[in-house]
């Protein structure tokens, strides 16, 4: 069963800072240029804690080390100072937050959509951590080694969660949304901010115990799928295992009028979104391959003909390439391959790939992104799953133009422009206990970091 809890959130003090100057995108979506811009906006911008800039005499942090390097020490120092100075204040009562996001989706971002204004609704609360084997929380993609090490070091240093795990649950009757928003999502909003992508974020504080208990009861039978935040979830789970206390006495266990996690580290801040509601958009995450020894486009194309029909394309701009990709998706696996020598549309020869894919579970065998990883990255290019996990040869872009730019500047050997995974595919894979490759999905828009903070102390 999914257990949720209200909490006394830390929040930015609007009398001391402008909210739009201090909140950020999630840490893994902050580019170097965004990081610099956040630094310039405010000395209290959250980026200084969640993704601080390194300094000259910082100590390197080994992946298996438990000692915080200087960058994490500075995060802990700044966090403590901001609390002491009143930049951050703690809510008087435990609460949850209704959270809505209003945004535009351009058809250029996701070829299956038209330009539209959408709204996504959910709520922020604590969610109890559980091992995947318990069948309450389900993942849908693999994780990378470095982000988990980094986030664990930050969590150990600051003892706080600054962003929310994005969780999906199923509620076709919209029971939770009606409980939170009624007929008007705007009536009681106490904070709103527009981010750099033009997304309007609005949250409303809910502290009424009766409402919170109704919400907790409505969520008890739900299974949860991690939409975004696999690395942070696994980080929080690891940290909770490090901090398991002695069992509380029965008196302590029943001393709270409001539901509480068994100990602070047993829960993490989450935003819960109904998978059956409108407003869920998944964008593709494009792949860039670099550092291949003696890579040759001609040899690669010759080998790829074993599994794919290959068409050389005249289009070179992202919009033109994606326009060729979307129709090809209807009948067969397809993706765009870009190298320094040209642009190519790859479409799968289904029969030729049967033997190469036979070890893959059937649900995943049908996914474009799995076929790309298995047939191209592993079999044709020889990149191991370990190398992918450690990001030795592959990294990722939301924007196709950024992927193509790496080819144009000689920073990469190949770029792969892909179609997005669908919600139905995600749900089927997750509930089957399978996992897709890393960065298979990109939910848009992202949840802002800094709207609420869960401090463990």
Protein backbone atom coordinates (compact mmCIF):
# COMPACT_ATOMS: atom_id res chain seq x y z
CA UNK A 1 0.00 0.00 0.00
CA UNK A 2 1.16 3.53 -0.76
CA UNK A 3 1.60 5.56 2.43
CA UNK A 4 1.64 9.34 2.18
CA UNK A 5 2.23 11.91 4.92
CA UNK A 6 1.89 15.66 5.43
CA UNK A 7 5.04 17.47 6.52
CA UNK A 8 6.22 20.78 7.91
CA UNK A 9 7.91 21.95 4.74
CA UNK A 10 10.67 24.49 4.56
CA UNK A 11 9.74 27.20 2.09
CA UNK A 12 11.36 30.34 0.73
CA UNK A 13 10.29 33.47 2.57
CA UNK A 14 8.60 35.73 -0.03
CA UNK A 15 9.38 38.80 2.07
CA UNK A 16 13.12 38.08 1.67
CA UNK A 17 13.40 36.76 -1.91
CA UNK A 18 11.48 36.74 -5.17
CA UNK A 19 10.38 33.15 -5.73
CA UNK A 20 11.13 33.30 -9.45
CA UNK A 21 14.75 34.18 -8.59
CA UNK A 22 15.40 31.17 -6.35
CA UNK A 23 13.59 28.10 -7.75
CA UNK A 24 15.20 25.88 -10.40
CA UNK A 25 14.64 23.03 -12.79
CA UNK A 26 15.64 19.59 -11.39
CA UNK A 27 19.40 19.23 -10.98
CA UNK A 28 19.82 16.84 -13.93
CA UNK A 29 18.12 19.28 -16.32
CA UNK A 30 20.36 22.22 -15.41
CA UNK A 31 22.82 22.93 -18.22
CA UNK A 32 26.06 24.84 -17.55
CA UNK A 33 24.51 28.01 -19.01
CA UNK A 34 21.42 27.60 -16.83
CA UNK A 35 23.65 27.03 -13.79
CA UNK A 36 25.46 30.31 -14.43
CA UNK A 37 22.17 32.15 -14.96
CA UNK A 38 20.75 30.79 -11.70
CA UNK A 39 23.87 31.91 -9.84
CA UNK A 40 23.41 35.43 -11.19
CA UNK A 41 19.73 35.64 -10.27
CA UNK A 42 20.13 35.50 -6.51
CA UNK A 43 22.67 34.64 -3.81
CA UNK A 44 19.90 32.39 -2.46
CA UNK A 45 19.10 30.52 -5.65
CA UNK A 46 18.70 26.82 -4.89
CA UNK A 47 21.28 25.87 -7.52
CA UNK A 48 23.98 26.84 -5.01
CA UNK A 49 22.85 23.90 -2.88
CA UNK A 50 21.68 21.27 -5.38
CA UNK A 51 24.34 21.86 -8.06
CA UNK A 52 27.05 24.10 -6.69
CA UNK A 53 29.90 25.26 -8.88
CA UNK A 54 33.27 23.65 -8.07
CA UNK A 55 36.09 25.80 -6.74
CA UNK A 56 39.84 25.64 -7.28
CA UNK A 57 40.85 23.65 -4.21
CA UNK A 58 37.86 21.26 -4.02
CA UNK A 59 38.70 17.68 -3.13
CA UNK A 60 37.64 14.99 -5.63
CA UNK A 61 34.92 12.65 -4.39
CA UNK A 62 35.45 8.93 -4.97
CA UNK A 63 32.33 7.05 -6.04
CA UNK A 64 32.48 4.78 -2.99
CA UNK A 65 33.46 7.54 -0.54
CA UNK A 66 31.20 8.66 2.31
CA UNK A 67 33.12 11.86 2.98
CA UNK A 68 31.66 14.98 1.43
CA UNK A 69 33.90 16.97 -0.86
CA UNK A 70 34.00 20.75 -0.50
CA UNK A 71 31.12 21.33 -2.91
CA UNK A 72 28.79 19.37 -0.60
CA UNK A 73 30.18 21.04 2.52
CA UNK A 74 29.36 24.41 0.99
CA UNK A 75 25.83 23.21 0.25
CA UNK A 76 25.36 22.20 3.88
CA UNK A 77 26.81 25.51 5.08
CA UNK A 78 24.58 27.61 2.83
CA UNK A 79 21.49 25.61 3.71
CA UNK A 80 22.11 26.08 7.44
CA UNK A 81 22.79 29.80 7.01
CA UNK A 82 19.66 30.39 4.93
CA UNK A 83 17.57 28.72 7.62
CA UNK A 84 19.21 30.76 10.38
CA UNK A 85 18.76 34.01 8.43
CA UNK A 86 15.06 33.39 7.74
CA UNK A 87 15.52 33.05 3.99
CA UNK A 88 13.81 29.69 4.50
CA UNK A 89 11.03 29.25 7.05
CA UNK A 90 9.26 26.14 8.30
CA UNK A 91 5.51 25.72 8.02
CA UNK A 92 3.78 25.86 11.39
CA UNK A 93 1.58 22.82 10.71
CA UNK A 94 2.06 19.62 8.73
CA UNK A 95 0.52 20.04 5.30
CA UNK A 96 0.42 18.86 1.73
CA UNK A 97 0.35 21.05 -1.36
CA UNK A 98 -1.98 20.92 -4.34
CA UNK A 99 0.25 21.56 -7.36
CA UNK A 100 -0.82 22.50 -10.88
CA UNK A 101 1.25 23.30 -13.97
CA UNK A 102 -0.14 25.11 -17.01
CA UNK A 103 2.00 24.91 -20.12
CA UNK A 104 2.13 25.02 -23.89
CA UNK A 105 3.09 21.96 -25.89
CA UNK A 106 4.45 22.76 -29.32
CA UNK A 107 3.88 20.16 -32.00
CA UNK A 108 7.57 20.46 -32.86
CA UNK A 109 8.45 18.97 -29.45
CA UNK A 110 6.26 15.90 -29.74
CA UNK A 111 5.19 15.06 -33.30
CA UNK A 112 1.96 13.29 -32.24
CA UNK A 113 0.48 16.51 -30.77
CA UNK A 114 -0.77 19.83 -31.98
CA UNK A 115 0.07 23.13 -30.35
CA UNK A 116 -2.03 23.23 -27.19
CA UNK A 117 -2.31 24.68 -23.69
CA UNK A 118 -2.48 21.89 -21.12
CA UNK A 119 -2.73 21.67 -17.33
CA UNK A 120 -1.27 18.94 -15.17
CA UNK A 121 -2.54 18.58 -11.60
CA UNK A 122 -1.18 16.70 -8.62
CA UNK A 123 -0.05 17.14 -5.04
CA UNK A 124 3.20 17.31 -3.06
CA UNK A 125 3.50 15.14 0.06
CA UNK A 126 5.89 12.73 1.70
CA UNK A 127 5.77 9.21 0.34
CA UNK A 128 7.06 6.22 2.27
CA UNK A 129 10.06 4.53 0.67
CA UNK A 130 9.83 0.87 -0.22
CA UNK A 131 12.03 -1.59 -2.03
CA UNK A 132 10.96 -2.37 -5.57
CA UNK A 133 10.49 -6.01 -4.54
CA UNK A 134 7.58 -5.03 -2.29
CA UNK A 135 5.40 -4.25 -5.32
CA UNK A 136 4.34 -0.76 -4.21
CA UNK A 137 6.79 1.44 -6.11
CA UNK A 138 7.75 0.47 -9.66
CA UNK A 139 10.61 1.83 -11.72
CA UNK A 140 10.58 1.91 -15.51
CA UNK A 141 14.19 2.62 -16.48
CA UNK A 142 17.76 1.84 -15.50
CA UNK A 143 19.88 4.30 -13.55
CA UNK A 144 23.40 5.70 -13.96
CA UNK A 145 26.18 5.30 -11.41
CA UNK A 146 27.48 8.87 -11.09
CA UNK A 147 24.19 10.68 -10.28
CA UNK A 148 23.41 8.30 -7.40
CA UNK A 149 26.85 8.85 -5.87
CA UNK A 150 26.47 12.62 -6.28
CA UNK A 151 22.95 12.84 -4.82
CA UNK A 152 23.86 10.58 -1.89
CA UNK A 153 26.79 12.84 -1.01
CA UNK A 154 24.50 15.88 -1.09
CA UNK A 155 21.85 14.16 1.03
CA UNK A 156 24.38 13.06 3.64
CA UNK A 157 25.77 16.60 3.86
CA UNK A 158 22.51 18.55 4.00
CA UNK A 159 20.00 15.98 5.34
CA UNK A 160 17.29 17.44 3.16
CA UNK A 161 15.36 16.73 -0.04
CA UNK A 162 15.10 19.79 -2.27
CA UNK A 163 13.13 18.39 -5.21
CA UNK A 164 10.26 15.97 -5.55
CA UNK A 165 10.17 12.48 -7.00
CA UNK A 166 7.57 12.48 -9.80
CA UNK A 167 5.17 9.60 -9.07
CA UNK A 168 2.32 8.28 -11.21
CA UNK A 169 -0.75 6.52 -9.81
CA UNK A 170 -4.01 5.38 -11.41
CA UNK A 171 -7.32 7.01 -10.47
CA UNK A 172 -9.76 6.88 -13.40
CA UNK A 173 -12.57 8.34 -11.27
CA UNK A 174 -10.45 11.45 -10.51
CA UNK A 175 -11.25 11.07 -6.79
CA UNK A 176 -8.03 12.66 -5.59
CA UNK A 177 -8.18 15.57 -8.04
CA UNK A 178 -11.71 16.44 -6.95
CA UNK A 179 -10.66 16.27 -3.31
CA UNK A 180 -7.72 18.62 -3.90
CA UNK A 181 -9.04 21.05 -6.49
CA UNK A 182 -12.82 20.79 -6.49
CA UNK A 183 -14.04 22.65 -9.55
CA UNK A 184 -11.46 25.44 -9.43
CA UNK A 185 -7.70 24.86 -9.50
CA UNK A 186 -7.01 28.57 -9.02
CA UNK A 187 -9.24 29.55 -6.09
CA UNK A 188 -6.87 28.88 -3.20
CA UNK A 189 -3.39 29.03 -4.77
CA UNK A 190 -0.96 30.77 -2.40
CA UNK A 191 2.10 30.73 -4.67
CA UNK A 192 2.57 30.98 -8.39
CA UNK A 193 5.67 31.33 -10.51
CA UNK A 194 6.47 31.16 -14.22
CA UNK A 195 9.65 29.28 -15.11
CA UNK A 196 12.09 29.86 -17.96
CA UNK A 197 10.05 27.62 -20.28
CA UNK A 198 6.88 29.64 -19.76
CA UNK A 199 5.26 27.06 -17.47
CA UNK A 200 2.95 28.48 -14.79
CA UNK A 201 3.42 26.60 -11.49
CA UNK A 202 0.81 27.11 -8.74
CA UNK A 203 0.67 25.49 -5.31
CA UNK A 204 -1.94 25.61 -2.56
CA UNK A 205 -1.27 24.71 1.06
CA UNK A 206 -3.67 22.14 2.60
CA UNK A 207 -3.41 21.59 6.36
CA UNK A 208 -6.93 20.46 7.24
CA UNK A 209 -6.52 17.06 9.00
CA UNK A 210 -9.83 15.72 7.66
CA UNK A 211 -8.85 16.44 4.06
CA UNK A 212 -5.39 14.97 4.55
CA UNK A 213 -6.82 11.80 6.11
CA UNK A 214 -9.26 11.43 3.20
CA UNK A 215 -6.38 11.83 0.77
CA UNK A 216 -4.27 9.28 2.64
CA UNK A 217 -7.13 6.80 2.55
CA UNK A 218 -7.69 7.40 -1.18
CA UNK A 219 -4.01 6.63 -1.91
CA UNK A 220 -3.71 3.50 0.26
CA UNK A 221 -4.53 1.02 -2.50
CA UNK A 222 -2.44 2.73 -5.19
CA UNK A 223 0.64 1.37 -6.87
CA UNK A 224 3.19 3.99 -7.83
CA UNK A 225 5.36 4.31 -10.95
CA UNK A 226 8.41 6.56 -10.87
CA UNK A 227 8.02 8.92 -13.81
CA UNK A 228 11.03 11.13 -13.01
CA UNK A 229 13.56 10.84 -10.21
CA UNK A 230 14.83 7.24 -10.30
CA UNK A 231 18.29 8.35 -9.14
CA UNK A 232 16.91 10.43 -6.26
CA UNK A 233 14.52 7.66 -5.23
CA UNK A 234 17.30 5.07 -5.09
CA UNK A 235 19.49 7.60 -3.25
CA UNK A 236 16.78 8.18 -0.64
CA UNK A 237 16.23 4.44 -0.28
CA UNK A 238 19.94 3.83 0.30
CA UNK A 239 20.09 6.63 2.86
CA UNK A 240 17.01 5.32 4.70
CA UNK A 241 18.74 1.95 5.07
CA UNK A 242 21.76 3.67 6.61
CA UNK A 243 19.60 5.46 9.17
CA UNK A 244 17.13 2.83 10.44
CA UNK A 245 16.57 3.60 14.16
CA UNK A 246 15.48 1.40 17.01
CA UNK A 247 11.74 0.58 16.82
CA UNK A 248 9.68 3.28 18.57
CA UNK A 249 7.57 2.47 21.59
CA UNK A 250 3.82 2.11 21.13
CA UNK A 251 3.35 5.44 22.94
CA UNK A 252 5.69 7.21 20.54
CA UNK A 253 4.07 5.53 17.56
CA UNK A 254 0.63 6.87 18.42
CA UNK A 255 1.61 10.29 19.72
CA UNK A 256 0.83 12.24 16.52
CA UNK A 257 -2.66 13.37 15.50
CA UNK A 258 -1.51 13.45 11.88
CA UNK A 259 0.08 10.46 10.13
CA UNK A 260 3.88 10.47 10.26
CA UNK A 261 6.58 8.29 8.67
CA UNK A 262 8.16 5.79 11.08
CA UNK A 263 11.36 7.89 11.04
CA UNK A 264 12.31 10.95 8.94
CA UNK A 265 14.57 9.10 6.51
CA UNK A 266 11.83 6.52 5.76
CA UNK A 267 10.05 8.97 3.45
CA UNK A 268 10.94 11.32 0.62
CA UNK A 269 9.17 14.29 -0.92
CA UNK A 270 7.05 13.29 -3.91
CA UNK A 271 4.63 14.85 -6.37
CA UNK A 272 1.79 12.49 -7.19
CA UNK A 273 0.12 12.76 -10.62
CA UNK A 274 -2.84 10.72 -11.87
CA UNK A 275 -1.80 8.76 -14.94
CA UNK A 276 -5.44 8.76 -16.09
CA UNK A 277 -5.73 12.56 -16.13
CA UNK A 278 -4.98 14.94 -19.00
CA UNK A 279 -1.76 16.91 -19.16
CA UNK A 280 0.82 14.11 -19.20
CA UNK A 281 3.37 14.62 -21.97
CA UNK A 282 6.42 12.43 -22.65
CA UNK A 283 9.18 13.81 -24.86
CA UNK A 284 11.90 11.72 -26.49
CA UNK A 285 15.43 11.71 -25.10
CA UNK A 286 17.97 11.62 -27.93
CA UNK A 287 21.28 9.74 -27.69
CA UNK A 288 24.77 10.94 -28.54
CA UNK A 289 27.65 8.47 -28.85
CA UNK A 290 31.24 9.66 -28.44
CA UNK A 291 34.74 8.31 -27.90
CA UNK A 292 34.57 5.36 -30.31
CA UNK A 293 37.93 4.13 -31.52
CA UNK A 294 38.45 4.43 -35.30
CA UNK A 295 34.77 5.03 -36.02
CA UNK A 296 33.86 4.90 -39.72
CA UNK A 297 30.41 5.88 -41.03
CA UNK A 298 30.85 3.65 -44.11
CA UNK A 299 31.69 0.55 -42.06
CA UNK A 300 28.91 1.30 -39.59
CA UNK A 301 26.29 1.60 -42.34
CA UNK A 302 27.47 -1.63 -43.96
CA UNK A 303 27.09 -3.52 -40.71
CA UNK A 304 23.77 -1.87 -39.88
CA UNK A 305 22.20 -3.15 -43.10
CA UNK A 306 21.97 -6.54 -41.38
CA UNK A 307 19.11 -5.22 -39.24
CA UNK A 308 17.86 -2.03 -40.90
CA UNK A 309 16.69 -0.53 -44.16
CA UNK A 310 18.70 2.67 -44.50
CA UNK A 311 17.64 5.78 -46.39
CA UNK A 312 20.00 8.71 -46.86
CA UNK A 313 18.21 11.98 -46.08
CA UNK A 314 18.60 15.43 -47.59
CA UNK A 315 17.10 17.21 -44.56
CA UNK A 316 19.65 18.42 -42.03
CA UNK A 317 17.60 20.61 -39.67
CA UNK A 318 15.92 19.05 -36.60
CA UNK A 319 12.38 19.86 -37.73
CA UNK A 320 12.88 18.28 -41.13
CA UNK A 321 14.46 15.17 -39.67
CA UNK A 322 11.72 14.68 -37.07
CA UNK A 323 9.10 15.15 -39.78
CA UNK A 324 10.58 12.12 -41.56
CA UNK A 325 10.79 10.13 -38.34
CA UNK A 326 7.20 10.46 -37.11
CA UNK A 327 5.43 8.75 -40.07
CA UNK A 328 7.94 5.90 -40.12
CA UNK A 329 6.99 5.08 -36.54
CA UNK A 330 3.51 3.89 -37.56
CA UNK A 331 4.63 0.60 -39.03
CA UNK A 332 8.16 -0.22 -37.86
CA UNK A 333 10.84 0.75 -35.38
CA UNK A 334 12.56 3.82 -36.75
CA UNK A 335 15.11 6.43 -35.72
CA UNK A 336 17.35 9.04 -37.32
CA UNK A 337 21.11 8.48 -37.33
CA UNK A 338 23.40 11.47 -37.77
CA UNK A 339 27.14 11.30 -38.42
CA UNK A 340 29.64 13.79 -39.83
CA UNK A 341 29.00 12.32 -43.28
CA UNK A 342 25.21 12.53 -43.38
CA UNK A 343 21.73 11.91 -41.97
CA UNK A 344 19.98 8.55 -42.31
CA UNK A 345 16.57 7.08 -41.58
CA UNK A 346 16.88 3.59 -40.08
CA UNK A 347 13.80 1.32 -40.19
CA UNK A 348 13.94 -2.15 -38.70
CA UNK A 349 13.96 -5.33 -40.78
CA UNK A 350 11.71 -7.13 -38.31
CA UNK A 351 12.50 -10.68 -39.41
CA UNK A 352 16.26 -10.07 -39.45
CA UNK A 353 16.22 -8.92 -35.83
CA UNK A 354 14.27 -11.82 -34.32
CA UNK A 355 17.28 -13.86 -33.23
CA UNK A 356 19.23 -10.83 -31.99
CA UNK A 357 16.32 -9.79 -29.75
CA UNK A 358 15.17 -13.18 -28.52
CA UNK A 359 16.77 -12.78 -25.07
CA UNK A 360 14.82 -9.57 -24.42
CA UNK A 361 11.46 -9.87 -22.57
CA UNK A 362 8.59 -9.61 -25.03
CA UNK A 363 7.19 -6.36 -23.60
CA UNK A 364 10.51 -4.61 -24.07
CA UNK A 365 11.31 -6.28 -27.36
CA UNK A 366 8.67 -4.10 -29.02
CA UNK A 367 10.15 -0.78 -27.85
CA UNK A 368 12.16 1.36 -30.25
CA UNK A 369 14.54 2.47 -27.53
CA UNK A 370 15.31 -1.11 -26.47
CA UNK A 371 15.97 -2.12 -30.08
CA UNK A 372 18.29 0.85 -30.49
CA UNK A 373 20.28 -0.06 -27.38
CA UNK A 374 20.41 -3.79 -28.10
CA UNK A 375 20.98 -3.85 -31.85
CA UNK A 376 22.96 -0.67 -32.40
CA UNK A 377 24.72 0.44 -29.22
CA UNK A 378 25.60 -3.05 -27.99
CA UNK A 379 25.82 -5.30 -31.06
CA UNK A 380 26.96 -2.92 -33.81
CA UNK A 381 29.02 -0.44 -31.78
CA UNK A 382 30.17 -2.75 -28.98
CA UNK A 383 29.20 -0.42 -26.12
CA UNK A 384 28.59 -2.49 -23.00
CA UNK A 385 25.72 -1.92 -20.54
CA UNK A 386 28.37 -1.06 -17.93
CA UNK A 387 29.83 1.66 -20.16
CA UNK A 388 26.35 3.09 -20.67
CA UNK A 389 25.64 3.04 -16.92
CA UNK A 390 28.92 4.84 -16.27
CA UNK A 391 28.32 7.27 -19.17
CA UNK A 392 31.64 6.45 -20.82
CA UNK A 393 30.30 6.59 -24.40
CA UNK A 394 26.71 7.82 -24.31
CA UNK A 395 24.96 10.93 -23.11
CA UNK A 396 21.54 12.42 -23.65
CA UNK A 397 19.70 15.49 -24.99
CA UNK A 398 16.08 16.63 -24.99
CA UNK A 399 16.69 19.05 -27.86
CA UNK A 400 17.61 17.41 -31.19
CA UNK A 401 19.52 20.54 -32.18
CA UNK A 402 21.92 20.02 -29.27
CA UNK A 403 22.57 16.43 -30.32
CA UNK A 404 23.22 17.47 -33.92
CA UNK A 405 25.50 20.28 -32.79
CA UNK A 406 27.84 17.74 -31.20
CA UNK A 407 28.16 16.04 -34.57
CA UNK A 408 28.77 19.33 -36.37
CA UNK A 409 31.52 20.34 -33.93
CA UNK A 410 33.21 16.94 -33.92
CA UNK A 411 32.48 16.24 -30.26
CA UNK A 412 30.57 13.03 -31.05
CA UNK A 413 30.65 10.15 -33.52
CA UNK A 414 26.91 9.54 -33.87
CA UNK A 415 23.61 11.02 -32.75
CA UNK A 416 20.33 9.12 -32.62
CA UNK A 417 17.03 11.01 -32.79
CA UNK A 418 14.23 8.85 -31.43
CA UNK A 419 10.47 8.74 -30.95
CA UNK A 420 9.02 9.06 -27.44
CA UNK A 421 7.86 6.12 -25.35
CA UNK A 422 4.07 6.13 -24.80
CA UNK A 423 2.28 6.11 -21.45
CA UNK A 424 0.77 2.71 -22.22
CA UNK A 425 4.21 1.26 -22.94
CA UNK A 426 5.60 2.75 -19.74
CA UNK A 427 2.77 1.40 -17.60
CA UNK A 428 2.99 -2.08 -19.11
CA UNK A 429 6.76 -2.34 -18.69
CA UNK A 430 6.80 -0.96 -15.15
CA UNK A 431 4.02 -3.15 -13.76
CA UNK A 432 5.64 -6.21 -15.35
CA UNK A 433 8.75 -5.50 -13.28
CA UNK A 434 10.84 -4.75 -16.36
CA UNK A 435 13.09 -1.74 -16.88
CA UNK A 436 13.87 0.19 -20.04
CA UNK A 437 17.29 1.69 -20.81
CA UNK A 438 18.44 4.79 -18.99
CA UNK A 439 16.77 8.08 -19.95
CA UNK A 440 13.99 6.37 -21.91
CA UNK A 441 11.42 9.02 -20.96
CA UNK A 442 11.38 12.77 -20.47
CA UNK A 443 8.17 14.00 -18.84
CA UNK A 444 7.40 17.62 -19.66
CA UNK A 445 7.24 20.00 -17.89
CA UNK A 446 9.55 19.26 -14.98
CA UNK A 447 8.64 19.78 -11.33
CA UNK A 448 10.32 22.87 -9.95
CA UNK A 449 12.85 22.43 -7.18
CA UNK A 450 12.52 24.81 -4.25
CA UNK A 451 8.73 25.08 -4.03
CA UNK A 452 8.98 23.02 -0.85
CA UNK A 453 11.90 21.39 0.96
CA UNK A 454 11.81 18.33 3.22
CA UNK A 455 14.42 18.82 5.97
CA UNK A 456 15.13 15.68 7.99
CA UNK A 457 16.22 17.77 11.00
